[in-house]
Amino acid sequence: MRVKKYNTVVVAVCCMVLFACSKMDDTYDDFIKDGEIVYPAKVDSIKAYPGNNRMGLSMLLISDPRISKVKVFWEVSGQADSAERSVQRTAGVDTVRFSFPKLAEGTYTFYIYSYDNAGHRSVKTDVIGTVYGEKYINQLVNRAIKSGTFDGAANTATVKWFGVGTDVIGEEIIYTDMQGVVRKQIEKHESLADSVTVLPAYTKGSSFQFRTFYKPAPNALDTFYSGYETRLVP
């Protein structure tokens, strides 16, 4: 009697397992009922290039010759937007570039998909980029000056600067020299340490104007400028 009862339980369990497997197979069959799922290769090595109310993207297509299109999605003030670029694959590595002008200042997440001619879509890839604008520009300040001195023997002015942050790339200095000629001198930074600028043919007791150049990221599309400031060299 016990053996019969045990056999009945075993049969019931087997039926349940077979039913569950059958349901799983049915679900899987429904999932691929139109054929095997095909995912084109996703883009590689995505780079975001921030700019002044604009953004640039670049990416590589390393594999999968079937890719015929790349599409980028993002949101602006809660509204979805997108752009796409047709692709003509070559035998090597291809670069795809996007340029997005007239973007509002802020941080964006861009979602990127590749497609083939049959409409199959790759797995999502994303990149975060920051767009700069008036808010960023309004908080820029000029590089701090330690001192400005005049050398009468050489007729030069020497401006000593404090060190700077990594986003400062140089200064523009404008002054009128001893011959009445307006000179514009650009100082590019080779280091972040304190530095010295010499202004030749300088008129004693006159002033110069200057402003500071900024790049918020090494690969930024644009250079940003602080407002002009005037300093007297006694």
Protein backbone atom coordinates (compact mmCIF):
# COMPACT_ATOMS: atom_id res chain seq x y z
CA MET A 1 0.00 0.00 0.00
CA ARG A 2 2.83 2.36 0.89
CA VAL A 3 4.64 1.51 -2.36
CA LYS A 4 1.57 2.31 -4.39
CA LYS A 5 1.13 5.63 -2.60
CA TYR A 6 4.81 6.48 -3.14
CA ASN A 7 4.54 5.68 -6.86
CA THR A 8 1.51 7.92 -7.12
CA VAL A 9 3.43 10.83 -5.57
CA VAL A 10 6.38 10.30 -7.92
CA VAL A 11 4.09 10.29 -10.95
CA ALA A 12 2.40 13.49 -9.76
CA VAL A 13 5.72 15.27 -9.26
CA CYS A 14 6.95 14.20 -12.70
CA CYS A 15 3.77 15.51 -14.27
CA MET A 16 4.23 18.86 -12.54
CA VAL A 17 7.84 19.13 -13.75
CA LEU A 18 6.87 18.23 -17.29
CA PHE A 19 4.05 20.78 -17.22
CA ALA A 20 6.39 23.50 -15.94
CA CYS A 21 8.97 22.71 -18.61
CA SER A 22 6.25 22.76 -21.23
CA LYS A 23 5.12 26.20 -20.05
CA MET A 24 8.71 27.47 -20.17
CA ASP A 25 9.10 26.13 -23.69
CA ASP A 26 5.83 27.79 -24.69
CA THR A 27 7.02 31.11 -23.24
CA TYR A 28 10.38 30.82 -25.02
CA ASP A 29 8.64 29.86 -28.26
CA ASP A 30 6.44 32.95 -27.96
CA PHE A 31 9.53 35.07 -27.34
CA ILE A 32 11.27 33.91 -30.53
CA LYS A 33 8.19 32.96 -32.56
CA ASP A 34 9.30 35.30 -35.36
CA GLY A 35 12.76 33.76 -35.46
CA GLU A 36 15.97 33.92 -33.47
CA ILE A 37 16.58 37.28 -31.78
CA VAL A 38 19.29 39.25 -33.58
CA TYR A 39 21.24 42.01 -31.85
CA PRO A 40 23.55 44.13 -34.00
CA ALA A 41 26.86 44.99 -32.35
CA LYS A 42 26.69 48.07 -30.17
CA VAL A 43 28.87 51.13 -30.72
CA ASP A 44 32.22 51.38 -28.98
CA SER A 45 34.51 54.06 -27.46
CA ILE A 46 31.86 56.78 -27.11
CA LYS A 47 33.17 60.28 -26.39
CA ALA A 48 31.16 63.37 -25.42
CA TYR A 49 32.50 66.80 -26.40
CA PRO A 50 30.96 69.61 -24.30
CA GLY A 51 30.46 73.07 -25.73
CA ASN A 52 28.69 76.40 -25.44
CA ASN A 53 25.02 75.38 -25.72
CA ARG A 54 26.05 72.47 -27.91
CA MET A 55 27.35 68.92 -27.67
CA GLY A 56 29.31 66.62 -29.93
CA LEU A 57 29.46 62.82 -29.80
CA SER A 58 31.80 60.39 -31.50
CA MET A 59 31.77 56.60 -31.47
CA LEU A 60 33.38 53.67 -33.23
CA LEU A 61 31.91 50.77 -35.18
CA ILE A 62 34.46 48.02 -34.74
CA SER A 63 32.56 44.90 -35.77
CA ASP A 64 29.34 43.76 -37.47
CA PRO A 65 29.21 44.83 -41.14
CA ARG A 66 25.39 44.64 -41.02
CA ILE A 67 25.06 47.94 -39.15
CA SER A 68 23.36 50.52 -41.36
CA LYS A 69 22.23 53.19 -38.90
CA VAL A 70 23.04 54.67 -35.49
CA LYS A 71 20.41 56.48 -33.45
CA VAL A 72 20.81 58.68 -30.36
CA PHE A 73 18.05 59.46 -27.85
CA TRP A 74 17.98 62.07 -25.07
CA GLU A 75 15.56 64.21 -23.10
CA VAL A 76 15.19 67.99 -22.94
CA SER A 77 12.96 69.39 -20.18
CA GLY A 78 11.11 66.08 -19.99
CA GLN A 79 10.60 65.90 -23.76
CA ALA A 80 12.23 63.05 -25.68
CA ASP A 81 14.34 63.88 -28.71
CA SER A 82 16.48 61.86 -31.09
CA ALA A 83 18.83 62.00 -34.05
CA GLU A 84 20.06 59.33 -36.42
CA ARG A 85 22.92 58.86 -38.85
CA SER A 86 23.07 56.43 -41.77
CA VAL A 87 26.21 54.31 -41.88
CA GLN A 88 28.13 52.91 -44.83
CA ARG A 89 30.40 50.28 -43.31
CA THR A 90 33.93 49.79 -44.56
CA ALA A 91 36.29 46.87 -44.05
CA GLY A 92 37.92 48.61 -41.08
CA VAL A 93 36.88 50.62 -38.04
CA ASP A 94 34.36 53.38 -38.79
CA THR A 95 33.76 56.58 -36.83
CA VAL A 96 30.26 58.01 -36.42
CA ARG A 97 29.86 61.63 -35.28
CA PHE A 98 26.87 63.62 -34.06
CA SER A 99 26.57 67.36 -33.46
CA PHE A 100 23.76 68.79 -31.35
CA PRO A 101 23.48 72.61 -31.53
CA LYS A 102 21.18 74.86 -29.52
CA LEU A 103 21.01 72.68 -26.41
CA ALA A 104 20.00 74.15 -23.06
CA GLU A 105 22.69 74.29 -20.41
CA GLY A 106 22.76 71.19 -18.22
CA THR A 107 23.81 67.55 -17.97
CA TYR A 108 22.45 65.03 -20.46
CA THR A 109 22.40 61.27 -20.78
CA PHE A 110 22.54 60.10 -24.39
CA TYR A 111 21.27 56.59 -25.20
CA ILE A 112 22.77 55.08 -28.34
CA TYR A 113 21.62 52.13 -30.48
CA SER A 114 22.86 50.65 -33.73
CA TYR A 115 20.48 49.12 -36.29
CA ASP A 116 20.69 46.83 -39.29
CA ASN A 117 18.60 47.02 -42.46
CA ALA A 118 16.07 44.57 -41.02
CA GLY A 119 15.33 46.93 -38.14
CA HIS A 120 17.08 44.89 -35.46
CA ARG A 121 18.39 47.06 -32.64
CA SER A 122 21.53 46.63 -30.54
CA VAL A 123 21.79 46.62 -26.79
CA LYS A 124 21.69 50.15 -25.36
CA THR A 125 24.88 52.11 -24.76
CA ASP A 126 24.89 55.45 -22.95
CA VAL A 127 27.17 58.38 -22.23
CA ILE A 128 26.79 61.45 -20.00
CA GLY A 129 27.78 64.91 -21.22
CA THR A 130 27.52 68.46 -19.89
CA VAL A 131 26.41 71.43 -21.97
CA TYR A 132 27.71 74.81 -20.77
CA GLY A 133 26.12 78.23 -21.19
CA GLU A 134 25.37 81.55 -19.51
CA LYS A 135 25.33 80.16 -15.96
CA TYR A 136 28.81 78.77 -16.41
CA ILE A 137 30.11 81.93 -18.11
CA ASN A 138 28.69 84.23 -15.43
CA GLN A 139 30.69 82.53 -12.68
CA LEU A 140 34.06 82.76 -14.46
CA VAL A 141 36.62 85.02 -12.78
CA ASN A 142 39.91 86.44 -13.97
CA ARG A 143 43.21 84.99 -12.91
CA ALA A 144 44.48 86.66 -9.74
CA ILE A 145 47.45 89.01 -10.08
CA LYS A 146 50.20 89.07 -7.45
CA SER A 147 51.84 92.29 -8.62
CA GLY A 148 52.52 94.59 -11.56
CA THR A 149 55.79 96.53 -11.75
CA PHE A 150 57.43 98.85 -14.27
CA ASP A 151 61.10 98.72 -15.32
CA GLY A 152 62.14 102.18 -16.57
CA ALA A 153 65.47 100.99 -17.97
CA ALA A 154 63.87 98.34 -20.17
CA ASN A 155 60.51 100.13 -20.61
CA THR A 156 58.68 96.93 -19.69
CA ALA A 157 55.90 96.00 -17.31
CA THR A 158 56.12 92.72 -15.42
CA VAL A 159 52.91 91.04 -14.30
CA LYS A 160 53.17 88.24 -11.75
CA TRP A 161 50.23 85.82 -11.61
CA PHE A 162 48.99 83.40 -8.98
CA GLY A 163 48.56 79.74 -9.95
CA VAL A 164 45.39 78.52 -11.68
CA GLY A 165 43.02 75.57 -11.83
CA THR A 166 43.03 72.91 -14.52
CA ASP A 167 40.22 74.59 -16.48
CA VAL A 168 42.19 77.82 -17.05
CA ILE A 169 44.22 77.71 -20.28
CA GLY A 170 45.50 81.26 -20.72
CA GLU A 171 45.04 85.03 -20.63
CA GLU A 172 44.61 87.82 -23.14
CA ILE A 173 46.29 91.14 -22.32
CA ILE A 174 45.60 94.38 -24.22
CA TYR A 175 47.55 97.63 -23.77
CA THR A 176 48.77 100.66 -25.70
CA ASP A 177 52.55 100.76 -26.05
CA MET A 178 54.95 103.74 -26.05
CA GLN A 179 54.36 104.35 -29.78
CA GLY A 180 50.59 104.47 -29.32
CA VAL A 181 50.09 101.05 -30.90
CA VAL A 182 47.46 98.79 -29.34
CA ARG A 183 49.03 95.43 -28.54
CA LYS A 184 47.29 92.17 -27.80
CA GLN A 185 49.33 89.51 -26.04
CA ILE A 186 48.12 85.94 -25.51
CA GLU A 187 49.60 83.90 -22.68
CA LYS A 188 49.11 80.12 -22.94
CA HIS A 189 49.66 78.04 -19.83
CA GLU A 190 52.26 75.33 -19.75
CA SER A 191 51.71 74.67 -16.05
CA LEU A 192 49.30 75.54 -13.25
CA ALA A 193 51.97 77.22 -11.11
CA ASP A 194 52.60 80.93 -10.56
CA SER A 195 53.91 82.63 -13.70
CA VAL A 196 55.22 85.92 -15.07
CA THR A 197 54.25 87.97 -18.13
CA VAL A 198 56.48 90.72 -19.55
CA LEU A 199 54.87 93.53 -21.59
CA PRO A 200 57.43 95.30 -23.83
CA ALA A 201 57.43 99.00 -24.79
CA TYR A 202 55.10 99.72 -21.88
CA THR A 203 54.15 103.29 -20.94
CA LYS A 204 54.85 104.09 -17.30
CA GLY A 205 51.73 104.73 -15.23
CA SER A 206 49.35 103.28 -17.83
CA SER A 207 46.82 100.46 -17.53
CA PHE A 208 46.22 97.20 -19.32
CA GLN A 209 43.09 95.12 -19.83
CA PHE A 210 43.02 91.37 -19.44
CA ARG A 211 40.68 88.41 -19.42
CA THR A 212 41.08 84.70 -18.72
CA PHE A 213 40.46 81.75 -21.06
CA TYR A 214 38.67 78.65 -19.78
CA LYS A 215 38.09 75.15 -21.08
CA PRO A 216 35.82 73.17 -18.73
CA ALA A 217 37.13 69.88 -20.18
CA PRO A 218 40.24 69.06 -22.24
CA ASN A 219 38.07 67.97 -25.18
CA ALA A 220 35.62 70.89 -24.98
CA LEU A 221 34.47 72.25 -28.33
CA ASP A 222 34.63 75.87 -27.21
CA THR A 223 36.84 78.20 -25.20
CA PHE A 224 35.05 80.37 -22.64
CA TYR A 225 36.12 83.85 -21.52
CA SER A 226 35.78 85.86 -18.35
CA GLY A 227 34.94 89.56 -18.58
CA TYR A 228 37.67 92.14 -19.17
CA GLU A 229 39.33 93.68 -16.14
CA THR A 230 41.60 96.75 -15.99
CA ARG A 231 44.80 96.99 -13.92
CA LEU A 232 47.19 99.91 -13.45
CA VAL A 233 50.96 99.45 -13.48
CA PRO A 234 52.43 102.39 -11.49
